[in-house]
Amino acid sequence: MIRIIATIILFIPGIIGAFGIKLMRDALFADVYPILVNEGIQFFVGLIMFLGGLAFIGGFIYHRDKKRQLVKKRSNKL
């Protein structure tokens, strides 16, 4: 049951990110949604949605790998 919930939690930001890509693509081809008045606003909203979904999924994977000790420690030597 917990794995299903975790999958759903990862699936929703993935859908948001994919819709953000669609908004950016539509803005480039001048297909504006009625809610978003301008192509520039639509592109910016799509970019924010894409980056938000990508950051959530990336953060989830990083946190999981760090918890399982799969992330190597960085050395601060220059």
N, C-alpha and C. Protein backbone atom coordinates (compact mmCIF):
# COMPACT_ATOMS: atom_id res chain seq x y z
N MET A 1 0.82 -1.20 0.00
CA MET A 1 0.00 0.00 0.00
C MET A 1 0.87 1.26 0.00
N ILE A 2 1.96 1.23 0.76
CA ILE A 2 2.82 2.41 0.85
C ILE A 2 3.51 2.66 -0.48
N ARG A 3 3.87 1.59 -1.20
CA ARG A 3 4.53 1.76 -2.50
C ARG A 3 3.57 2.38 -3.52
N ILE A 4 2.31 2.06 -3.43
CA ILE A 4 1.32 2.65 -4.34
C ILE A 4 1.19 4.14 -4.06
N ILE A 5 1.15 4.52 -2.81
CA ILE A 5 1.06 5.93 -2.44
C ILE A 5 2.31 6.68 -2.89
N ALA A 6 3.48 6.07 -2.72
CA ALA A 6 4.73 6.70 -3.16
C ALA A 6 4.75 6.87 -4.67
N THR A 7 4.23 5.89 -5.39
CA THR A 7 4.16 6.00 -6.85
C THR A 7 3.23 7.13 -7.27
N ILE A 8 2.12 7.26 -6.60
CA ILE A 8 1.18 8.34 -6.91
C ILE A 8 1.80 9.69 -6.60
N ILE A 9 2.54 9.76 -5.48
CA ILE A 9 3.20 11.02 -5.12
C ILE A 9 4.23 11.42 -6.17
N LEU A 10 4.90 10.46 -6.78
CA LEU A 10 5.86 10.76 -7.85
C LEU A 10 5.16 10.99 -9.19
N PHE A 11 4.02 10.39 -9.38
CA PHE A 11 3.31 10.50 -10.65
C PHE A 11 2.72 11.90 -10.85
N ILE A 12 2.22 12.51 -9.79
CA ILE A 12 1.59 13.84 -9.91
C ILE A 12 2.59 14.92 -10.33
N PRO A 13 3.78 15.05 -9.72
CA PRO A 13 4.73 16.04 -10.23
C PRO A 13 5.21 15.73 -11.65
N GLY A 14 5.24 14.45 -12.02
CA GLY A 14 5.60 14.10 -13.40
C GLY A 14 4.57 14.62 -14.38
N ILE A 15 3.31 14.51 -14.04
CA ILE A 15 2.23 15.03 -14.89
C ILE A 15 2.33 16.56 -14.96
N ILE A 16 2.60 17.20 -13.83
CA ILE A 16 2.73 18.66 -13.83
C ILE A 16 3.90 19.10 -14.70
N GLY A 17 5.02 18.39 -14.62
CA GLY A 17 6.17 18.71 -15.45
C GLY A 17 5.89 18.52 -16.93
N ALA A 18 5.19 17.44 -17.26
CA ALA A 18 4.84 17.19 -18.66
C ALA A 18 3.89 18.26 -19.18
N PHE A 19 2.95 18.69 -18.36
CA PHE A 19 2.04 19.75 -18.79
C PHE A 19 2.78 21.08 -18.94
N GLY A 20 3.81 21.29 -18.12
CA GLY A 20 4.64 22.48 -18.26
C GLY A 20 5.38 22.49 -19.59
N ILE A 21 5.88 21.32 -20.00
CA ILE A 21 6.54 21.22 -21.31
C ILE A 21 5.54 21.53 -22.41
N LYS A 22 4.31 21.03 -22.26
CA LYS A 22 3.27 21.29 -23.27
C LYS A 22 2.93 22.78 -23.34
N LEU A 23 2.86 23.43 -22.19
CA LEU A 23 2.59 24.87 -22.20
C LEU A 23 3.70 25.65 -22.89
N MET A 24 4.95 25.28 -22.64
CA MET A 24 6.07 25.96 -23.28
C MET A 24 6.05 25.73 -24.79
N ARG A 25 5.78 24.51 -25.20
CA ARG A 25 5.71 24.20 -26.64
C ARG A 25 4.59 24.98 -27.31
N ASP A 26 3.42 25.01 -26.66
CA ASP A 26 2.30 25.75 -27.24
C ASP A 26 2.59 27.25 -27.31
N ALA A 27 3.32 27.77 -26.34
CA ALA A 27 3.67 29.19 -26.37
C ALA A 27 4.61 29.49 -27.53
N LEU A 28 5.52 28.58 -27.83
CA LEU A 28 6.43 28.79 -28.96
C LEU A 28 5.69 28.76 -30.30
N PHE A 29 4.62 27.98 -30.39
CA PHE A 29 3.85 27.89 -31.63
C PHE A 29 2.61 28.78 -31.61
N ALA A 30 2.56 29.74 -30.70
CA ALA A 30 1.50 30.77 -30.61
C ALA A 30 0.11 30.17 -30.41
N ASP A 31 0.01 29.13 -29.61
CA ASP A 31 -1.28 28.55 -29.24
C ASP A 31 -1.52 28.88 -27.77
N VAL A 32 -2.21 29.98 -27.52
CA VAL A 32 -2.35 30.51 -26.16
C VAL A 32 -3.64 29.98 -25.53
N TYR A 33 -3.54 29.53 -24.28
CA TYR A 33 -4.72 29.12 -23.53
C TYR A 33 -5.50 30.37 -23.11
N PRO A 34 -6.83 30.27 -23.01
CA PRO A 34 -7.62 31.46 -22.65
C PRO A 34 -7.31 32.02 -21.27
N ILE A 35 -6.92 31.17 -20.33
CA ILE A 35 -6.62 31.63 -18.97
C ILE A 35 -5.34 32.47 -18.96
N LEU A 36 -4.35 32.01 -19.73
CA LEU A 36 -3.06 32.71 -19.79
C LEU A 36 -3.11 33.69 -20.95
N VAL A 37 -3.08 34.96 -20.66
CA VAL A 37 -3.37 36.01 -21.62
C VAL A 37 -2.28 36.15 -22.68
N ASN A 38 -1.04 35.97 -22.30
CA ASN A 38 0.08 36.30 -23.16
C ASN A 38 0.93 35.05 -23.39
N GLU A 39 1.63 34.99 -24.54
CA GLU A 39 2.51 33.85 -24.81
C GLU A 39 3.69 33.82 -23.85
N GLY A 40 4.20 34.97 -23.50
CA GLY A 40 5.33 35.03 -22.56
C GLY A 40 4.94 34.54 -21.18
N ILE A 41 3.75 34.92 -20.72
CA ILE A 41 3.27 34.46 -19.42
C ILE A 41 3.06 32.95 -19.46
N GLN A 42 2.50 32.45 -20.56
CA GLN A 42 2.27 31.02 -20.69
C GLN A 42 3.59 30.25 -20.68
N PHE A 43 4.61 30.77 -21.36
CA PHE A 43 5.91 30.11 -21.37
C PHE A 43 6.52 30.10 -19.98
N PHE A 44 6.42 31.22 -19.27
CA PHE A 44 6.99 31.32 -17.93
C PHE A 44 6.28 30.37 -16.96
N VAL A 45 4.96 30.29 -17.03
CA VAL A 45 4.21 29.37 -16.17
C VAL A 45 4.60 27.92 -16.49
N GLY A 46 4.74 27.60 -17.77
CA GLY A 46 5.16 26.26 -18.16
C GLY A 46 6.56 25.94 -17.67
N LEU A 47 7.46 26.92 -17.73
CA LEU A 47 8.82 26.72 -17.25
C LEU A 47 8.84 26.46 -15.75
N ILE A 48 8.06 27.21 -15.00
CA ILE A 48 7.97 27.02 -13.55
C ILE A 48 7.40 25.64 -13.23
N MET A 49 6.36 25.23 -13.96
CA MET A 49 5.76 23.92 -13.72
C MET A 49 6.75 22.80 -14.04
N PHE A 50 7.48 22.94 -15.14
CA PHE A 50 8.47 21.92 -15.52
C PHE A 50 9.58 21.83 -14.50
N LEU A 51 10.15 22.97 -14.11
CA LEU A 51 11.25 22.97 -13.15
C LEU A 51 10.79 22.48 -11.78
N GLY A 52 9.57 22.81 -11.39
CA GLY A 52 9.04 22.33 -10.11
C GLY A 52 8.89 20.81 -10.09
N GLY A 53 8.32 20.26 -11.15
CA GLY A 53 8.18 18.80 -11.23
C GLY A 53 9.52 18.10 -11.27
N LEU A 54 10.45 18.65 -12.05
CA LEU A 54 11.78 18.06 -12.16
C LEU A 54 12.52 18.13 -10.82
N ALA A 55 12.42 19.25 -10.13
CA ALA A 55 13.09 19.40 -8.83
C ALA A 55 12.50 18.45 -7.79
N PHE A 56 11.19 18.26 -7.81
CA PHE A 56 10.56 17.35 -6.84
C PHE A 56 11.03 15.92 -7.06
N ILE A 57 11.00 15.47 -8.32
CA ILE A 57 11.41 14.10 -8.61
C ILE A 57 12.91 13.91 -8.34
N GLY A 58 13.72 14.88 -8.75
CA GLY A 58 15.15 14.81 -8.49
C GLY A 58 15.47 14.80 -7.01
N GLY A 59 14.78 15.64 -6.24
CA GLY A 59 14.99 15.67 -4.79
C GLY A 59 14.56 14.38 -4.12
N PHE A 60 13.49 13.79 -4.61
CA PHE A 60 13.03 12.52 -4.06
C PHE A 60 14.06 11.42 -4.31
N ILE A 61 14.60 11.35 -5.53
CA ILE A 61 15.59 10.33 -5.85
C ILE A 61 16.88 10.56 -5.05
N TYR A 62 17.31 11.82 -4.93
CA TYR A 62 18.51 12.13 -4.15
C TYR A 62 18.32 11.75 -2.69
N HIS A 63 17.16 12.07 -2.12
CA HIS A 63 16.89 11.74 -0.72
C HIS A 63 16.88 10.23 -0.51
N ARG A 64 16.27 9.51 -1.44
CA ARG A 64 16.22 8.05 -1.32
C ARG A 64 17.62 7.44 -1.41
N ASP A 65 18.43 7.92 -2.36
CA ASP A 65 19.79 7.40 -2.50
C ASP A 65 20.65 7.77 -1.30
N LYS A 66 20.46 8.96 -0.75
CA LYS A 66 21.23 9.37 0.42
C LYS A 66 20.85 8.52 1.64
N LYS A 67 19.59 8.19 1.75
CA LYS A 67 19.13 7.37 2.86
C LYS A 67 19.69 5.95 2.76
N ARG A 68 19.85 5.45 1.56
CA ARG A 68 20.42 4.11 1.35
C ARG A 68 21.94 4.13 1.25
N GLN A 69 22.54 5.28 1.48
CA GLN A 69 23.99 5.50 1.46
C GLN A 69 24.60 5.14 0.11
N LEU A 70 23.93 5.59 -0.97
CA LEU A 70 24.44 5.40 -2.32
C LEU A 70 25.09 6.66 -2.87
N VAL A 71 25.01 7.76 -2.13
CA VAL A 71 25.61 9.02 -2.55
C VAL A 71 27.00 9.12 -1.95
N LYS A 72 27.98 9.37 -2.80
CA LYS A 72 29.35 9.49 -2.31
C LYS A 72 29.55 10.86 -1.69
N LYS A 73 30.38 10.90 -0.65
CA LYS A 73 30.68 12.17 -0.01
C LYS A 73 31.66 12.94 -0.88
N ARG A 74 31.49 14.24 -0.96
CA ARG A 74 32.36 15.09 -1.76
C ARG A 74 33.55 15.52 -0.93
N SER A 75 34.69 15.57 -1.57
CA SER A 75 35.87 16.11 -0.88
C SER A 75 35.99 17.59 -1.22
N ASN A 76 36.39 18.38 -0.26
CA ASN A 76 36.50 19.82 -0.45
C ASN A 76 37.92 20.25 -0.77
N LYS A 77 38.74 19.36 -1.31
CA LYS A 77 40.10 19.69 -1.66
C LYS A 77 40.10 20.48 -2.98
N LEU A 78 40.94 21.49 -3.04
CA LEU A 78 41.04 22.27 -4.27
C LEU A 78 42.31 22.01 -5.00
